[in-house]
Full PDB file with SEQRES, HELIX, SHEET, SSBOND, CRYST1, ORIGX, SCALE, CONECT and MASTER records, all heavy atoms in Angstrom:
SEQRES   1 A   40  GLU PRO ASP PRO ALA VAL LEU PHE PRO ASP VAL ALA ALA          
SEQRES   2 A   40  HIS GLY SER LEU ALA ALA ALA LEU GLN ALA ALA ALA ALA          
SEQRES   3 A   40  ASP GLN GLY LEU SER LEU PRO LEU THR VAL THR PRO SER          
SEQRES   4 A   40  ASP                                                          
HELIX    1 AA1 PRO A    4  LEU A    7  1                                   4    
HELIX    2 AA2 PRO A    9  HIS A   14  1                                   6    
HELIX    3 AA3 LEU A   17  ASP A   27  1                                  11    
CRYST1    1.000    1.000    1.000  90.00  90.00  90.00 P 1           1          
ORIGX1      1.000000  0.000000  0.000000        0.00000                         
ORIGX2      0.000000  1.000000  0.000000        0.00000                         
ORIGX3      0.000000  0.000000  1.000000        0.00000                         
SCALE1      1.000000  0.000000  0.000000        0.00000                         
SCALE2      0.000000  1.000000  0.000000        0.00000                         
SCALE3      0.000000  0.000000  1.000000        0.00000                         
ATOM      1  N   GLU A   1       1.018 -29.100 111.407  1.00  0.00           N  
ATOM      2  CA  GLU A   1       2.130 -29.786 112.062  1.00  0.00           C  
ATOM      3  C   GLU A   1       2.883 -30.604 111.016  1.00  0.00           C  
ATOM      4  O   GLU A   1       2.263 -31.254 110.174  1.00  0.00           O  
ATOM      5  CB  GLU A   1       1.607 -30.727 113.142  1.00  0.00           C  
ATOM      6  CG  GLU A   1       1.094 -30.030 114.370  1.00  0.00           C  
ATOM      7  CD  GLU A   1       2.214 -29.445 115.196  1.00  0.00           C  
ATOM      8  OE1 GLU A   1       3.320 -30.023 115.248  1.00  0.00           O  
ATOM      9  OE2 GLU A   1       1.988 -28.391 115.797  1.00  0.00           O  
ATOM     10  N   PRO A   2       4.196 -30.588 111.064  1.00  0.00           N  
ATOM     11  CA  PRO A   2       4.952 -31.437 110.137  1.00  0.00           C  
ATOM     12  C   PRO A   2       4.705 -32.918 110.429  1.00  0.00           C  
ATOM     13  O   PRO A   2       4.388 -33.295 111.555  1.00  0.00           O  
ATOM     14  CB  PRO A   2       6.407 -31.080 110.438  1.00  0.00           C  
ATOM     15  CG  PRO A   2       6.370 -29.831 111.238  1.00  0.00           C  
ATOM     16  CD  PRO A   2       5.034 -29.770 111.897  1.00  0.00           C  
ATOM     17  N   ASP A   3       4.861 -33.726 109.428  1.00  0.00           N  
ATOM     18  CA  ASP A   3       4.705 -35.168 109.580  1.00  0.00           C  
ATOM     19  C   ASP A   3       5.787 -35.677 110.534  1.00  0.00           C  
ATOM     20  O   ASP A   3       6.975 -35.470 110.294  1.00  0.00           O  
ATOM     21  CB  ASP A   3       4.844 -35.828 108.210  1.00  0.00           C  
ATOM     22  CG  ASP A   3       4.690 -37.332 108.239  1.00  0.00           C  
ATOM     23  OD1 ASP A   3       4.402 -37.901 109.318  1.00  0.00           O  
ATOM     24  OD2 ASP A   3       4.866 -37.949 107.172  1.00  0.00           O  
ATOM     25  N   PRO A   4       5.407 -36.365 111.616  1.00  0.00           N  
ATOM     26  CA  PRO A   4       6.414 -36.831 112.577  1.00  0.00           C  
ATOM     27  C   PRO A   4       7.386 -37.841 111.967  1.00  0.00           C  
ATOM     28  O   PRO A   4       8.525 -37.942 112.406  1.00  0.00           O  
ATOM     29  CB  PRO A   4       5.600 -37.453 113.708  1.00  0.00           C  
ATOM     30  CG  PRO A   4       4.255 -37.708 113.144  1.00  0.00           C  
ATOM     31  CD  PRO A   4       4.055 -36.712 112.054  1.00  0.00           C  
ATOM     32  N   ALA A   5       6.973 -38.569 110.952  1.00  0.00           N  
ATOM     33  CA  ALA A   5       7.879 -39.520 110.301  1.00  0.00           C  
ATOM     34  C   ALA A   5       9.009 -38.792 109.577  1.00  0.00           C  
ATOM     35  O   ALA A   5      10.113 -39.312 109.460  1.00  0.00           O  
ATOM     36  CB  ALA A   5       7.110 -40.418 109.338  1.00  0.00           C  
ATOM     37  N   VAL A   6       8.740 -37.572 109.110  1.00  0.00           N  
ATOM     38  CA  VAL A   6       9.760 -36.765 108.451  1.00  0.00           C  
ATOM     39  C   VAL A   6      10.675 -36.124 109.507  1.00  0.00           C  
ATOM     40  O   VAL A   6      11.890 -36.090 109.342  1.00  0.00           O  
ATOM     41  CB  VAL A   6       9.113 -35.681 107.558  1.00  0.00           C  
ATOM     42  CG1 VAL A   6      10.149 -34.721 107.016  1.00  0.00           C  
ATOM     43  CG2 VAL A   6       8.332 -36.332 106.435  1.00  0.00           C  
ATOM     44  N   LEU A   7      10.077 -35.642 110.592  1.00  0.00           N  
ATOM     45  CA  LEU A   7      10.866 -35.009 111.655  1.00  0.00           C  
ATOM     46  C   LEU A   7      11.728 -36.005 112.408  1.00  0.00           C  
ATOM     47  O   LEU A   7      12.842 -35.683 112.822  1.00  0.00           O  
ATOM     48  CB  LEU A   7       9.934 -34.316 112.664  1.00  0.00           C  
ATOM     49  CG  LEU A   7       9.251 -33.055 112.212  1.00  0.00           C  
ATOM     50  CD1 LEU A   7       8.310 -32.562 113.310  1.00  0.00           C  
ATOM     51  CD2 LEU A   7      10.272 -31.981 111.894  1.00  0.00           C  
ATOM     52  N   PHE A   8      11.204 -37.195 112.624  1.00  0.00           N  
ATOM     53  CA  PHE A   8      11.880 -38.198 113.441  1.00  0.00           C  
ATOM     54  C   PHE A   8      12.001 -39.529 112.687  1.00  0.00           C  
ATOM     55  O   PHE A   8      11.364 -40.510 113.045  1.00  0.00           O  
ATOM     56  CB  PHE A   8      11.106 -38.420 114.748  1.00  0.00           C  
ATOM     57  CG  PHE A   8      10.754 -37.158 115.471  1.00  0.00           C  
ATOM     58  CD1 PHE A   8       9.434 -36.743 115.565  1.00  0.00           C  
ATOM     59  CD2 PHE A   8      11.730 -36.382 116.058  1.00  0.00           C  
ATOM     60  CE1 PHE A   8       9.102 -35.579 116.239  1.00  0.00           C  
ATOM     61  CE2 PHE A   8      11.409 -35.216 116.732  1.00  0.00           C  
ATOM     62  CZ  PHE A   8      10.097 -34.804 116.822  1.00  0.00           C  
ATOM     63  N   PRO A   9      12.835 -39.585 111.642  1.00  0.00           N  
ATOM     64  CA  PRO A   9      12.927 -40.817 110.860  1.00  0.00           C  
ATOM     65  C   PRO A   9      13.454 -42.004 111.670  1.00  0.00           C  
ATOM     66  O   PRO A   9      13.072 -43.144 111.415  1.00  0.00           O  
ATOM     67  CB  PRO A   9      13.874 -40.459 109.714  1.00  0.00           C  
ATOM     68  CG  PRO A   9      14.613 -39.261 110.180  1.00  0.00           C  
ATOM     69  CD  PRO A   9      13.707 -38.538 111.125  1.00  0.00           C  
ATOM     70  N   ASP A  10      14.300 -41.736 112.661  1.00  0.00           N  
ATOM     71  CA  ASP A  10      14.808 -42.827 113.500  1.00  0.00           C  
ATOM     72  C   ASP A  10      13.696 -43.423 114.358  1.00  0.00           C  
ATOM     73  O   ASP A  10      13.634 -44.633 114.572  1.00  0.00           O  
ATOM     74  CB  ASP A  10      15.965 -42.355 114.374  1.00  0.00           C  
ATOM     75  CG  ASP A  10      15.667 -41.079 115.133  1.00  0.00           C  
ATOM     76  OD1 ASP A  10      14.770 -40.305 114.715  1.00  0.00           O  
ATOM     77  OD2 ASP A  10      16.328 -40.832 116.163  1.00  0.00           O  
ATOM     78  N   VAL A  11      12.775 -42.586 114.833  1.00  0.00           N  
ATOM     79  CA  VAL A  11      11.619 -43.069 115.595  1.00  0.00           C  
ATOM     80  C   VAL A  11      10.686 -43.843 114.671  1.00  0.00           C  
ATOM     81  O   VAL A  11      10.214 -44.933 115.016  1.00  0.00           O  
ATOM     82  CB  VAL A  11      10.877 -41.911 116.289  1.00  0.00           C  
ATOM     83  CG1 VAL A  11       9.583 -42.382 116.921  1.00  0.00           C  
ATOM     84  CG2 VAL A  11      11.776 -41.248 117.337  1.00  0.00           C  
ATOM     85  N   ALA A  12      10.443 -43.298 113.492  1.00  0.00           N  
ATOM     86  CA  ALA A  12       9.562 -43.964 112.526  1.00  0.00           C  
ATOM     87  C   ALA A  12      10.120 -45.335 112.135  1.00  0.00           C  
ATOM     88  O   ALA A  12       9.356 -46.280 111.949  1.00  0.00           O  
ATOM     89  CB  ALA A  12       9.371 -43.087 111.287  1.00  0.00           C  
ATOM     90  N   ALA A  13      11.438 -45.448 112.057  1.00  0.00           N  
ATOM     91  CA  ALA A  13      12.051 -46.733 111.708  1.00  0.00           C  
ATOM     92  C   ALA A  13      11.757 -47.796 112.764  1.00  0.00           C  
ATOM     93  O   ALA A  13      11.657 -48.980 112.441  1.00  0.00           O  
ATOM     94  CB  ALA A  13      13.553 -46.567 111.537  1.00  0.00           C  
ATOM     95  N   HIS A  14      11.586 -47.385 114.014  1.00  0.00           N  
ATOM     96  CA  HIS A  14      11.246 -48.322 115.089  1.00  0.00           C  
ATOM     97  C   HIS A  14       9.737 -48.548 115.189  1.00  0.00           C  
ATOM     98  O   HIS A  14       9.297 -49.460 115.875  1.00  0.00           O  
ATOM     99  CB  HIS A  14      11.767 -47.814 116.436  1.00  0.00           C  
ATOM    100  CG  HIS A  14      13.227 -48.019 116.609  1.00  0.00           C  
ATOM    101  ND1 HIS A  14      14.152 -47.058 116.277  1.00  0.00           N  
ATOM    102  CD2 HIS A  14      13.925 -49.080 117.067  1.00  0.00           C  
ATOM    103  CE1 HIS A  14      15.357 -47.512 116.537  1.00  0.00           C  
ATOM    104  NE2 HIS A  14      15.254 -48.741 117.004  1.00  0.00           N  
ATOM    105  N   GLY A  15       8.955 -47.695 114.559  1.00  0.00           N  
ATOM    106  CA  GLY A  15       7.499 -47.858 114.560  1.00  0.00           C  
ATOM    107  C   GLY A  15       6.774 -47.036 115.601  1.00  0.00           C  
ATOM    108  O   GLY A  15       5.588 -46.791 115.470  1.00  0.00           O  
ATOM    109  N   SER A  16       7.471 -46.616 116.649  1.00  0.00           N  
ATOM    110  CA  SER A  16       6.843 -45.778 117.676  1.00  0.00           C  
ATOM    111  C   SER A  16       7.931 -45.148 118.542  1.00  0.00           C  
ATOM    112  O   SER A  16       9.076 -45.634 118.573  1.00  0.00           O  
ATOM    113  CB  SER A  16       5.895 -46.597 118.558  1.00  0.00           C  
ATOM    114  OG  SER A  16       6.633 -47.483 119.380  1.00  0.00           O  
ATOM    115  N   LEU A  17       7.560 -44.100 119.247  1.00  0.00           N  
ATOM    116  CA  LEU A  17       8.487 -43.470 120.179  1.00  0.00           C  
ATOM    117  C   LEU A  17       8.839 -44.436 121.295  1.00  0.00           C  
ATOM    118  O   LEU A  17       9.991 -44.519 121.718  1.00  0.00           O  
ATOM    119  CB  LEU A  17       7.874 -42.184 120.749  1.00  0.00           C  
ATOM    120  CG  LEU A  17       8.726 -41.407 121.747  1.00  0.00           C  
ATOM    121  CD1 LEU A  17      10.074 -41.010 121.147  1.00  0.00           C  
ATOM    122  CD2 LEU A  17       7.982 -40.189 122.252  1.00  0.00           C  
ATOM    123  N   ALA A  18       7.852 -45.195 121.768  1.00  0.00           N  
ATOM    124  CA  ALA A  18       8.110 -46.168 122.834  1.00  0.00           C  
ATOM    125  C   ALA A  18       9.162 -47.184 122.402  1.00  0.00           C  
ATOM    126  O   ALA A  18      10.103 -47.470 123.141  1.00  0.00           O  
ATOM    127  CB  ALA A  18       6.815 -46.866 123.232  1.00  0.00           C  
ATOM    128  N   ALA A  19       9.030 -47.722 121.208  1.00  0.00           N  
ATOM    129  CA  ALA A  19       9.984 -48.722 120.715  1.00  0.00           C  
ATOM    130  C   ALA A  19      11.373 -48.116 120.519  1.00  0.00           C  
ATOM    131  O   ALA A  19      12.386 -48.752 120.828  1.00  0.00           O  
ATOM    132  CB  ALA A  19       9.483 -49.330 119.414  1.00  0.00           C  
ATOM    133  N   ALA A  20      11.439 -46.872 120.023  1.00  0.00           N  
ATOM    134  CA  ALA A  20      12.732 -46.211 119.834  1.00  0.00           C  
ATOM    135  C   ALA A  20      13.425 -45.965 121.172  1.00  0.00           C  
ATOM    136  O   ALA A  20      14.631 -46.188 121.308  1.00  0.00           O  
ATOM    137  CB  ALA A  20      12.538 -44.885 119.091  1.00  0.00           C  
ATOM    138  N   LEU A  21      12.671 -45.543 122.174  1.00  0.00           N  
ATOM    139  CA  LEU A  21      13.254 -45.309 123.498  1.00  0.00           C  
ATOM    140  C   LEU A  21      13.675 -46.623 124.156  1.00  0.00           C  
ATOM    141  O   LEU A  21      14.714 -46.683 124.821  1.00  0.00           O  
ATOM    142  CB  LEU A  21      12.276 -44.549 124.383  1.00  0.00           C  
ATOM    143  CG  LEU A  21      12.023 -43.099 123.980  1.00  0.00           C  
ATOM    144  CD1 LEU A  21      10.886 -42.509 124.806  1.00  0.00           C  
ATOM    145  CD2 LEU A  21      13.281 -42.274 124.122  1.00  0.00           C  
ATOM    146  N   GLN A  22      12.893 -47.663 123.962  1.00  0.00           N  
ATOM    147  CA  GLN A  22      13.259 -48.978 124.503  1.00  0.00           C  
ATOM    148  C   GLN A  22      14.549 -49.486 123.860  1.00  0.00           C  
ATOM    149  O   GLN A  22      15.406 -50.055 124.534  1.00  0.00           O  
ATOM    150  CB  GLN A  22      12.125 -49.983 124.301  1.00  0.00           C  
ATOM    151  CG  GLN A  22      10.978 -49.749 125.253  1.00  0.00           C  
ATOM    152  CD  GLN A  22       9.778 -50.620 124.942  1.00  0.00           C  
ATOM    153  OE1 GLN A  22       9.520 -50.948 123.790  1.00  0.00           O  
ATOM    154  NE2 GLN A  22       9.034 -50.982 125.970  1.00  0.00           N  
ATOM    155  N   ALA A  23      14.698 -49.276 122.572  1.00  0.00           N  
ATOM    156  CA  ALA A  23      15.917 -49.697 121.871  1.00  0.00           C  
ATOM    157  C   ALA A  23      17.128 -48.905 122.370  1.00  0.00           C  
ATOM    158  O   ALA A  23      18.201 -49.481 122.584  1.00  0.00           O  
ATOM    159  CB  ALA A  23      15.748 -49.522 120.361  1.00  0.00           C  
ATOM    160  N   ALA A  24      16.954 -47.596 122.567  1.00  0.00           N  
ATOM    161  CA  ALA A  24      18.052 -46.774 123.087  1.00  0.00           C  
ATOM    162  C   ALA A  24      18.432 -47.215 124.495  1.00  0.00           C  
ATOM    163  O   ALA A  24      19.618 -47.282 124.834  1.00  0.00           O  
ATOM    164  CB  ALA A  24      17.659 -45.300 123.069  1.00  0.00           C  
ATOM    165  N   ALA A  25      17.447 -47.534 125.308  1.00  0.00           N  
ATOM    166  CA  ALA A  25      17.711 -48.003 126.672  1.00  0.00           C  
ATOM    167  C   ALA A  25      18.422 -49.352 126.637  1.00  0.00           C  
ATOM    168  O   ALA A  25      19.381 -49.579 127.391  1.00  0.00           O  
ATOM    169  CB  ALA A  25      16.411 -48.110 127.460  1.00  0.00           C  
ATOM    170  N   ALA A  26      17.983 -50.249 125.771  1.00  0.00           N  
ATOM    171  CA  ALA A  26      18.599 -51.573 125.662  1.00  0.00           C  
ATOM    172  C   ALA A  26      20.064 -51.464 125.246  1.00  0.00           C  
ATOM    173  O   ALA A  26      20.903 -52.235 125.716  1.00  0.00           O  
ATOM    174  CB  ALA A  26      17.824 -52.439 124.676  1.00  0.00           C  
ATOM    175  N   ASP A  27      20.376 -50.482 124.387  1.00  0.00           N  
ATOM    176  CA  ASP A  27      21.766 -50.257 123.984  1.00  0.00           C  
ATOM    177  C   ASP A  27      22.637 -49.896 125.182  1.00  0.00           C  
ATOM    178  O   ASP A  27      23.842 -50.107 125.168  1.00  0.00           O  
ATOM    179  CB  ASP A  27      21.862 -49.146 122.940  1.00  0.00           C  
ATOM    180  CG  ASP A  27      21.363 -49.573 121.578  1.00  0.00           C  
ATOM    181  OD1 ASP A  27      21.198 -50.793 121.344  1.00  0.00           O  
ATOM    182  OD2 ASP A  27      21.134 -48.679 120.737  1.00  0.00           O  
ATOM    183  N   GLN A  28      22.036 -49.342 126.218  1.00  0.00           N  
ATOM    184  CA  GLN A  28      22.752 -48.956 127.434  1.00  0.00           C  
ATOM    185  C   GLN A  28      22.640 -50.024 128.527  1.00  0.00           C  
ATOM    186  O   GLN A  28      23.058 -49.805 129.660  1.00  0.00           O  
ATOM    187  CB  GLN A  28      22.205 -47.626 127.960  1.00  0.00           C  
ATOM    188  CG  GLN A  28      22.357 -46.467 127.010  1.00  0.00           C  
ATOM    189  CD  GLN A  28      23.828 -46.157 126.734  1.00  0.00           C  
ATOM    190  OE1 GLN A  28      24.623 -46.060 127.652  1.00  0.00           O  
ATOM    191  NE2 GLN A  28      24.171 -46.018 125.462  1.00  0.00           N  
ATOM    192  N   GLY A  29      22.016 -51.151 128.185  1.00  0.00           N  
ATOM    193  CA  GLY A  29      21.849 -52.231 129.145  1.00  0.00           C  
ATOM    194  C   GLY A  29      20.722 -52.009 130.132  1.00  0.00           C  
ATOM    195  O   GLY A  29      20.693 -52.600 131.207  1.00  0.00           O  
ATOM    196  N   LEU A  30      19.768 -51.167 129.765  1.00  0.00           N  
ATOM    197  CA  LEU A  30      18.642 -50.850 130.639  1.00  0.00           C  
ATOM    198  C   LEU A  30      17.346 -51.417 130.093  1.00  0.00           C  
ATOM    199  O   LEU A  30      17.192 -51.616 128.889  1.00  0.00           O  
ATOM    200  CB  LEU A  30      18.500 -49.327 130.778  1.00  0.00           C  
ATOM    201  CG  LEU A  30      19.717 -48.573 131.299  1.00  0.00           C  
ATOM    202  CD1 LEU A  30      19.522 -47.084 131.143  1.00  0.00           C  
ATOM    203  CD2 LEU A  30      19.978 -48.947 132.745  1.00  0.00           C  
ATOM    204  N   SER A  31      16.401 -51.631 130.969  1.00  0.00           N  
ATOM    205  CA  SER A  31      15.062 -52.041 130.584  1.00  0.00           C  
ATOM    206  C   SER A  31      14.121 -50.875 130.861  1.00  0.00           C  
ATOM    207  O   SER A  31      14.092 -50.354 131.973  1.00  0.00           O  
ATOM    208  CB  SER A  31      14.634 -53.260 131.400  1.00  0.00           C  
ATOM    209  OG  SER A  31      13.291 -53.565 131.132  1.00  0.00           O  
ATOM    210  N   LEU A  32      13.390 -50.456 129.875  1.00  0.00           N  
ATOM    211  CA  LEU A  32      12.497 -49.306 130.007  1.00  0.00           C  
ATOM    212  C   LEU A  32      11.098 -49.729 129.580  1.00  0.00           C  
ATOM    213  O   LEU A  32      10.814 -49.859 128.398  1.00  0.00           O  
ATOM    214  CB  LEU A  32      13.010 -48.163 129.135  1.00  0.00           C  
ATOM    215  CG  LEU A  32      12.393 -46.793 129.284  1.00  0.00           C  
ATOM    216  CD1 LEU A  32      12.563 -46.264 130.703  1.00  0.00           C  
ATOM    217  CD2 LEU A  32      13.039 -45.835 128.305  1.00  0.00           C  
ATOM    218  N   PRO A  33      10.193 -49.971 130.541  1.00  0.00           N  
ATOM    219  CA  PRO A  33       8.851 -50.458 130.210  1.00  0.00           C  
ATOM    220  C   PRO A  33       7.918 -49.345 129.731  1.00  0.00           C  
ATOM    221  O   PRO A  33       7.192 -48.743 130.505  1.00  0.00           O  
ATOM    222  CB  PRO A  33       8.361 -51.072 131.524  1.00  0.00           C  
ATOM    223  CG  PRO A  33       9.061 -50.279 132.579  1.00  0.00           C  
ATOM    224  CD  PRO A  33      10.386 -49.894 131.987  1.00  0.00           C  
ATOM    225  N   LEU A  34       7.957 -49.058 128.462  1.00  0.00           N  
ATOM    226  CA  LEU A  34       7.100 -48.039 127.866  1.00  0.00           C  
ATOM    227  C   LEU A  34       5.988 -48.699 127.075  1.00  0.00           C  
ATOM    228  O   LEU A  34       6.145 -49.804 126.560  1.00  0.00           O  
ATOM    229  CB  LEU A  34       7.907 -47.149 126.927  1.00  0.00           C  
ATOM    230  CG  LEU A  34       8.863 -46.182 127.594  1.00  0.00           C  
ATOM    231  CD1 LEU A  34       9.956 -45.782 126.630  1.00  0.00           C  
ATOM    232  CD2 LEU A  34       8.119 -44.958 128.073  1.00  0.00           C  
ATOM    233  N   THR A  35       4.875 -47.989 126.950  1.00  0.00           N  
ATOM    234  CA  THR A  35       3.789 -48.457 126.099  1.00  0.00           C  
ATOM    235  C   THR A  35       3.506 -47.414 125.031  1.00  0.00           C  
ATOM    236  O   THR A  35       3.705 -46.221 125.242  1.00  0.00           O  
ATOM    237  CB  THR A  35       2.499 -48.731 126.904  1.00  0.00           C  
ATOM    238  OG1 THR A  35       2.131 -47.545 127.595  1.00  0.00           O  
ATOM    239  CG2 THR A  35       2.702 -49.856 127.896  1.00  0.00           C  
ATOM    240  N   VAL A  36       3.046 -47.887 123.914  1.00  0.00           N  
ATOM    241  CA  VAL A  36       2.700 -47.011 122.796  1.00  0.00           C  
ATOM    242  C   VAL A  36       1.422 -46.261 123.129  1.00  0.00           C  
ATOM    243  O   VAL A  36       0.483 -46.833 123.672  1.00  0.00           O  
ATOM    244  CB  VAL A  36       2.500 -47.845 121.506  1.00  0.00           C  
ATOM    245  CG1 VAL A  36       1.991 -47.001 120.376  1.00  0.00           C  
ATOM    246  CG2 VAL A  36       3.788 -48.533 121.133  1.00  0.00           C  
ATOM    247  N   THR A  37       1.384 -45.000 122.797  1.00  0.00           N  
ATOM    248  CA  THR A  37       0.162 -44.219 122.915  1.00  0.00           C  
ATOM    249  C   THR A  37      -0.538 -44.309 121.560  1.00  0.00           C  
ATOM    250  O   THR A  37      -0.033 -43.774 120.572  1.00  0.00           O  
ATOM    251  CB  THR A  37       0.480 -42.752 123.273  1.00  0.00           C  
ATOM    252  OG1 THR A  37       1.247 -42.739 124.471  1.00  0.00           O  
ATOM    253  CG2 THR A  37      -0.783 -41.943 123.465  1.00  0.00           C  
ATOM    254  N   PRO A  38      -1.667 -45.017 121.488  1.00  0.00           N  
ATOM    255  CA  PRO A  38      -2.302 -45.281 120.199  1.00  0.00           C  
ATOM    256  C   PRO A  38      -2.674 -44.035 119.394  1.00  0.00           C  
ATOM    257  O   PRO A  38      -2.664 -44.064 118.170  1.00  0.00           O  
ATOM    258  CB  PRO A  38      -3.548 -46.071 120.563  1.00  0.00           C  
ATOM    259  CG  PRO A  38      -3.310 -46.613 121.918  1.00  0.00           C  
ATOM    260  CD  PRO A  38      -2.395 -45.640 122.589  1.00  0.00           C  
ATOM    261  N   SER A  39      -2.990 -42.944 120.055  1.00  0.00           N  
ATOM    262  CA  SER A  39      -3.442 -41.751 119.329  1.00  0.00           C  
ATOM    263  C   SER A  39      -2.330 -41.100 118.510  1.00  0.00           C  
ATOM    264  O   SER A  39      -2.604 -40.471 117.499  1.00  0.00           O  
ATOM    265  CB  SER A  39      -4.028 -40.732 120.300  1.00  0.00           C  
ATOM    266  OG  SER A  39      -3.031 -40.304 121.217  1.00  0.00           O  
ATOM    267  N   ASP A  40      -1.068 -41.236 118.921  1.00  0.00           N  
ATOM    268  CA  ASP A  40       0.048 -40.618 118.201  1.00  0.00           C  
ATOM    269  C   ASP A  40       1.339 -41.364 118.539  1.00  0.00           C  
ATOM    270  O   ASP A  40       2.184 -40.852 119.270  1.00  0.00           O  
ATOM    271  CB  ASP A  40       0.148 -39.140 118.572  1.00  0.00           C  
ATOM    272  CG  ASP A  40       0.959 -38.326 117.590  1.00  0.00           C  
ATOM    273  OD1 ASP A  40       1.583 -38.916 116.686  1.00  0.00           O  
ATOM    274  OD2 ASP A  40       0.982 -37.096 117.727  1.00  0.00           O  
TER     275      ASP A  40                                                      
MASTER        0    0    0    3    0    0    0    6  274    1    0    4          
END                                                                             
């Protein structure tokens, strides 16, 4: 599998998919209660 940090540098910049999605939602004025999945 390719390194996810290489495939998704914008997600890696936020530290997790949950944080990246929360930031995208906040840009739209939404609150999205996501949690990080520790395994990946």
